[in-house]
């Protein structure tokens, strides 16, 4: 039977036909667990992301699943909320899931602990955690990108440029690197960074951007530009600016980061 199920060429057409009829009549299905034990692999990879509801991570997960399907792989997705124990549990396989590899965006664990905990599971890190050669990593140059975004605002003639998105309570490095790029662009343009215009947020969502924008508008001298560390923050800032009668881009220029679909359908875009 296994030769027929696995498509072996060492079976005559008559035998294959008869066996297939028996399979169909009995409703037989292969035991995938046994097959994976024999092959030494499951065909399953895990994806651990902090937030499923985030448009950025949602789009990333969808693209990854599509790419895996083209290679006949299955993806199991889990949400960590950036919790250290949740990240450790997935890396150790404590949930009982057997995977051939894990793609993870760690917010809590240091890259070295991720690499050490996951052994011998193959791991790919997403984000700014540097594994020092112990694991593969996919990341963007946040410093250069933030520099470019801020430089764009400065090139428009804006000089009172604020930043929304600092997260000193997190240690994943994203916010620090984007803040570094923002400050670097200001220095190069001879513009003094003002701490009161660097707004801290609890998370990177729309309501946090709206709250930070309200703080900037209530803080005395009002910025004429904002670099938001995510598009969700930018959308929240746009909402608050509109609610306060601040015209964008006439009174206030806004730049986001991520290019999520929502940003292309807001007004202004």
Protein backbone atom coordinates (compact mmCIF):
# COMPACT_ATOMS: atom_id res chain seq x y z
CA UNK A 1 0.00 0.00 0.00
CA UNK A 2 2.77 2.46 0.86
CA UNK A 3 4.19 2.21 -2.64
CA UNK A 4 0.85 3.29 -4.08
CA UNK A 5 0.29 6.08 -1.53
CA UNK A 6 3.80 7.41 -2.09
CA UNK A 7 3.58 7.16 -5.86
CA UNK A 8 6.31 4.57 -6.32
CA UNK A 9 6.98 3.58 -9.91
CA UNK A 10 7.63 -0.06 -8.87
CA UNK A 11 3.93 -0.95 -8.93
CA UNK A 12 2.07 -2.25 -11.97
CA UNK A 13 -0.89 -0.25 -13.15
CA UNK A 14 -3.28 -3.13 -12.36
CA UNK A 15 -1.97 -3.47 -8.80
CA UNK A 16 -2.06 0.31 -8.33
CA UNK A 17 -5.69 0.39 -9.50
CA UNK A 18 -6.80 -2.38 -7.15
CA UNK A 19 -4.99 -0.91 -4.15
CA UNK A 20 -6.40 2.54 -4.87
CA UNK A 21 -9.90 1.09 -4.97
CA UNK A 22 -9.33 -0.48 -1.55
CA UNK A 23 -7.97 2.81 -0.21
CA UNK A 24 -11.01 4.69 -1.46
CA UNK A 25 -13.43 2.08 -0.11
CA UNK A 26 -11.84 2.02 3.35
CA UNK A 27 -11.35 5.80 3.53
CA UNK A 28 -7.69 5.31 4.40
CA UNK A 29 -5.60 8.37 5.21
CA UNK A 30 -1.80 8.30 5.72
CA UNK A 31 -0.50 8.73 9.27
CA UNK A 32 1.34 12.02 8.92
CA UNK A 33 3.03 11.70 12.31
CA UNK A 34 4.51 8.34 11.37
CA UNK A 35 5.53 9.68 7.99
CA UNK A 36 7.34 12.63 9.60
CA UNK A 37 9.21 10.30 11.94
CA UNK A 38 10.40 8.23 9.02
CA UNK A 39 11.38 11.27 6.92
CA UNK A 40 13.02 13.08 9.84
CA UNK A 41 11.00 16.24 9.20
CA UNK A 42 7.44 17.44 9.68
CA UNK A 43 7.00 19.98 6.90
CA UNK A 44 5.91 22.45 9.60
CA UNK A 45 7.58 25.71 10.59
CA UNK A 46 6.53 28.05 13.35
CA UNK A 47 6.06 31.81 13.22
CA UNK A 48 6.10 33.70 16.53
CA UNK A 49 5.11 37.35 16.33
CA UNK A 50 4.25 39.83 19.09
CA UNK A 51 0.86 40.97 17.79
CA UNK A 52 -1.54 39.30 15.39
CA UNK A 53 -3.78 42.38 15.20
CA UNK A 54 -0.94 44.64 14.04
CA UNK A 55 -1.32 45.39 10.30
CA UNK A 56 2.45 45.13 9.89
CA UNK A 57 2.75 41.69 11.48
CA UNK A 58 -0.49 40.53 9.88
CA UNK A 59 0.79 41.37 6.41
CA UNK A 60 4.16 39.80 7.20
CA UNK A 61 2.49 36.59 8.38
CA UNK A 62 0.33 36.41 5.27
CA UNK A 63 3.29 36.80 2.94
CA UNK A 64 5.26 34.19 4.83
CA UNK A 65 2.41 31.67 4.71
CA UNK A 66 2.04 32.22 0.95
CA UNK A 67 5.75 31.69 0.41
CA UNK A 68 5.76 28.56 2.58
CA UNK A 69 2.79 27.10 0.71
CA UNK A 70 4.69 27.40 -2.56
CA UNK A 71 7.27 25.11 -0.98
CA UNK A 72 4.61 22.72 0.40
CA UNK A 73 5.30 23.78 4.00
CA UNK A 74 2.73 24.47 6.70
CA UNK A 75 3.08 27.45 9.05
CA UNK A 76 1.85 27.48 12.65
CA UNK A 77 1.44 31.03 13.97
CA UNK A 78 1.60 32.01 17.63
CA UNK A 79 1.33 35.37 19.41
CA UNK A 80 3.78 36.27 22.16
CA UNK A 81 2.68 39.80 23.15
CA UNK A 82 6.40 40.45 23.58
CA UNK A 83 6.41 38.33 26.74
CA UNK A 84 9.73 36.70 27.65
CA UNK A 85 8.22 33.47 28.97
CA UNK A 86 6.04 33.06 25.91
CA UNK A 87 9.08 33.48 23.67
CA UNK A 88 11.07 30.94 25.73
CA UNK A 89 8.19 28.43 25.67
CA UNK A 90 8.01 28.52 21.89
CA UNK A 91 11.77 28.22 21.50
CA UNK A 92 11.91 25.22 23.84
CA UNK A 93 8.93 23.54 22.20
CA UNK A 94 7.15 23.25 25.57
CA UNK A 95 3.79 23.39 23.83
CA UNK A 96 4.39 19.94 22.40
CA UNK A 97 4.53 21.14 18.81
CA UNK A 98 7.05 19.43 16.58
CA UNK A 99 8.50 21.86 14.03
CA UNK A 100 11.36 21.82 11.58
CA UNK A 101 12.21 25.43 12.31
CA UNK A 102 11.00 28.68 13.87
CA UNK A 103 10.79 32.25 12.62
CA UNK A 104 10.46 34.63 15.56
CA UNK A 105 10.30 38.37 16.14
CA UNK A 106 11.59 38.63 19.72
CA UNK A 107 10.65 41.68 21.75
CA UNK A 108 11.73 40.49 25.19
CA UNK A 109 14.62 38.04 24.86
CA UNK A 110 18.12 38.97 23.86
CA UNK A 111 19.29 37.47 20.58
CA UNK A 112 21.91 35.31 22.28
CA UNK A 113 19.33 33.73 24.59
CA UNK A 114 17.09 33.08 21.58
CA UNK A 115 19.91 31.29 19.77
CA UNK A 116 20.96 29.30 22.86
CA UNK A 117 17.44 28.29 23.90
CA UNK A 118 16.40 27.16 20.43
CA UNK A 119 19.24 24.70 19.84
CA UNK A 120 19.14 22.45 17.88
CA UNK A 121 16.00 23.96 16.30
CA UNK A 122 16.86 26.12 13.25
CA UNK A 123 15.79 29.69 13.98
CA UNK A 124 15.50 32.86 11.92
CA UNK A 125 15.17 36.13 13.83
CA UNK A 126 13.13 39.05 12.56
CA UNK A 127 14.13 42.49 13.78
CA UNK A 128 16.98 44.25 15.45
CA UNK A 129 18.25 41.58 17.83
CA UNK A 130 21.74 40.63 16.64
CA UNK A 131 22.54 36.94 17.24
CA UNK A 132 26.31 37.40 16.78
CA UNK A 133 26.45 34.72 14.11
CA UNK A 134 24.50 32.15 16.19
CA UNK A 135 21.31 32.39 14.10
CA UNK A 136 20.13 33.85 10.82
CA UNK A 137 18.43 37.23 10.94
CA UNK A 138 16.32 39.40 8.65
CA UNK A 139 16.20 43.11 9.47
CA UNK A 140 16.04 46.59 7.99
CA UNK A 141 18.51 49.41 8.60
CA UNK A 142 16.32 51.41 10.97
CA UNK A 143 18.89 54.12 11.54
CA UNK A 144 19.30 54.85 7.83
CA UNK A 145 15.54 54.63 7.20
CA UNK A 146 14.69 57.01 10.05
CA UNK A 147 17.44 59.36 8.90
CA UNK A 148 15.93 59.36 5.41
CA UNK A 149 12.41 60.01 6.70
CA UNK A 150 13.54 62.92 8.88
CA UNK A 151 15.73 64.32 6.10
CA UNK A 152 12.67 64.32 3.85
CA UNK A 153 10.80 66.50 6.36
CA UNK A 154 13.77 68.84 6.68
CA UNK A 155 14.02 69.11 2.90
CA UNK A 156 10.45 70.41 2.88
CA UNK A 157 11.67 73.36 4.95
CA UNK A 158 10.38 72.07 8.27
CA UNK A 159 12.57 72.85 11.26
CA UNK A 160 10.39 72.01 14.25
CA UNK A 161 10.45 68.26 13.72
CA UNK A 162 9.04 66.03 16.46
CA UNK A 163 9.27 62.25 16.86
CA UNK A 164 6.55 59.90 18.09
CA UNK A 165 7.41 56.36 19.07
CA UNK A 166 10.16 56.13 21.69
CA UNK A 167 9.76 53.03 23.89
CA UNK A 168 12.32 52.98 26.72
CA UNK A 169 10.43 50.10 28.39
CA UNK A 170 11.26 47.76 25.51
CA UNK A 171 14.68 46.37 24.68
CA UNK A 172 14.20 45.08 21.15
CA UNK A 173 16.17 47.99 19.70
CA UNK A 174 13.69 49.20 17.09
CA UNK A 175 12.68 52.48 18.72
CA UNK A 176 16.24 53.26 19.82
CA UNK A 177 17.53 52.85 16.28
CA UNK A 178 14.79 54.96 14.74
CA UNK A 179 15.40 57.66 17.34
CA UNK A 180 19.10 57.54 16.51
CA UNK A 181 18.39 58.06 12.81
CA UNK A 182 16.01 60.92 13.59
CA UNK A 183 18.58 62.70 15.75
CA UNK A 184 21.36 62.10 13.23
CA UNK A 185 19.38 63.83 10.49
CA UNK A 186 18.66 66.78 12.77
CA UNK A 187 22.34 67.15 13.68
CA UNK A 188 23.42 67.06 10.06
CA UNK A 189 20.93 69.84 9.26
CA UNK A 190 22.09 71.93 12.22
CA UNK A 191 18.75 71.58 14.00
CA UNK A 192 18.84 71.12 17.76
CA UNK A 193 16.89 68.12 19.03
CA UNK A 194 14.35 69.05 21.68
CA UNK A 195 13.62 66.35 24.28
CA UNK A 196 10.05 67.60 24.77
CA UNK A 197 9.37 66.84 21.11
CA UNK A 198 10.46 63.19 21.46
CA UNK A 199 7.29 61.52 22.62
CA UNK A 200 7.26 58.17 24.40
CA UNK A 201 4.46 55.68 23.70
CA UNK A 202 3.25 52.57 25.47
CA UNK A 203 2.72 50.72 22.19
CA UNK A 204 2.86 51.45 18.48
CA UNK A 205 -0.86 51.76 17.80
CA UNK A 206 -3.21 54.47 16.56
CA UNK A 207 -4.43 55.55 20.00
CA UNK A 208 -0.83 56.00 21.15
CA UNK A 209 -0.12 58.22 18.15
CA UNK A 210 -3.23 60.28 18.83
CA UNK A 211 -2.31 60.70 22.47
CA UNK A 212 1.25 61.74 21.66
CA UNK A 213 0.03 64.20 19.03
CA UNK A 214 -2.33 65.78 21.58
CA UNK A 215 0.61 66.17 23.97
CA UNK A 216 2.65 67.92 21.28
CA UNK A 217 -0.21 70.28 20.43
CA UNK A 218 -0.73 71.12 24.11
CA UNK A 219 2.95 71.61 24.86
CA UNK A 220 3.51 75.26 23.96
CA UNK A 221 5.40 75.75 20.70
CA UNK A 222 3.87 73.39 18.20
CA UNK A 223 6.02 71.30 15.80
CA UNK A 224 5.61 71.81 12.07
CA UNK A 225 6.50 68.16 11.29
CA UNK A 226 6.27 64.74 12.91
CA UNK A 227 8.21 61.57 12.23
CA UNK A 228 6.08 58.69 13.51
CA UNK A 229 7.94 55.42 14.12
CA UNK A 230 5.07 53.36 12.61
CA UNK A 231 2.22 54.03 10.22
CA UNK A 232 -0.27 53.21 12.97
CA UNK A 233 1.22 55.99 15.08
CA UNK A 234 1.09 58.31 12.07
CA UNK A 235 -2.59 57.50 11.50
CA UNK A 236 -3.34 58.33 15.13
CA UNK A 237 -1.41 61.59 14.82
CA UNK A 238 -3.34 62.50 11.66
CA UNK A 239 -6.63 61.81 13.42
CA UNK A 240 -5.76 64.07 16.34
CA UNK A 241 -4.44 66.83 14.09
CA UNK A 242 -7.70 66.80 12.15
CA UNK A 243 -9.73 66.85 15.38
CA UNK A 244 -7.77 69.91 16.55
CA UNK A 245 -8.14 71.77 13.26
CA UNK A 246 -4.47 71.37 12.29
CA UNK A 247 -4.11 71.09 8.53
CA UNK A 248 -1.89 68.35 7.12
CA UNK A 249 0.38 68.97 5.29
CA UNK A 250 -0.17 72.77 5.36
CA UNK A 251 0.43 73.29 9.08
CA UNK A 252 1.97 69.95 9.89
CA UNK A 253 3.89 67.42 7.78
CA UNK A 254 3.67 63.79 8.88
CA UNK A 255 5.82 60.81 7.91
CA UNK A 256 5.06 57.23 8.93
CA UNK A 257 7.05 54.00 8.75
CA UNK A 258 5.97 50.56 7.38
CA UNK A 259 3.79 51.37 4.32
CA UNK A 260 0.79 49.42 5.61
CA UNK A 261 -2.31 49.43 3.43
CA UNK A 262 -4.28 51.71 5.82
CA UNK A 263 -1.74 54.47 5.25
CA UNK A 264 -2.49 54.49 1.54
CA UNK A 265 -6.21 55.00 2.18
CA UNK A 266 -6.08 57.71 4.84
CA UNK A 267 -6.67 61.38 4.02
CA UNK A 268 -4.14 62.68 3.35
CA UNK A 269 -2.23 59.51 2.45
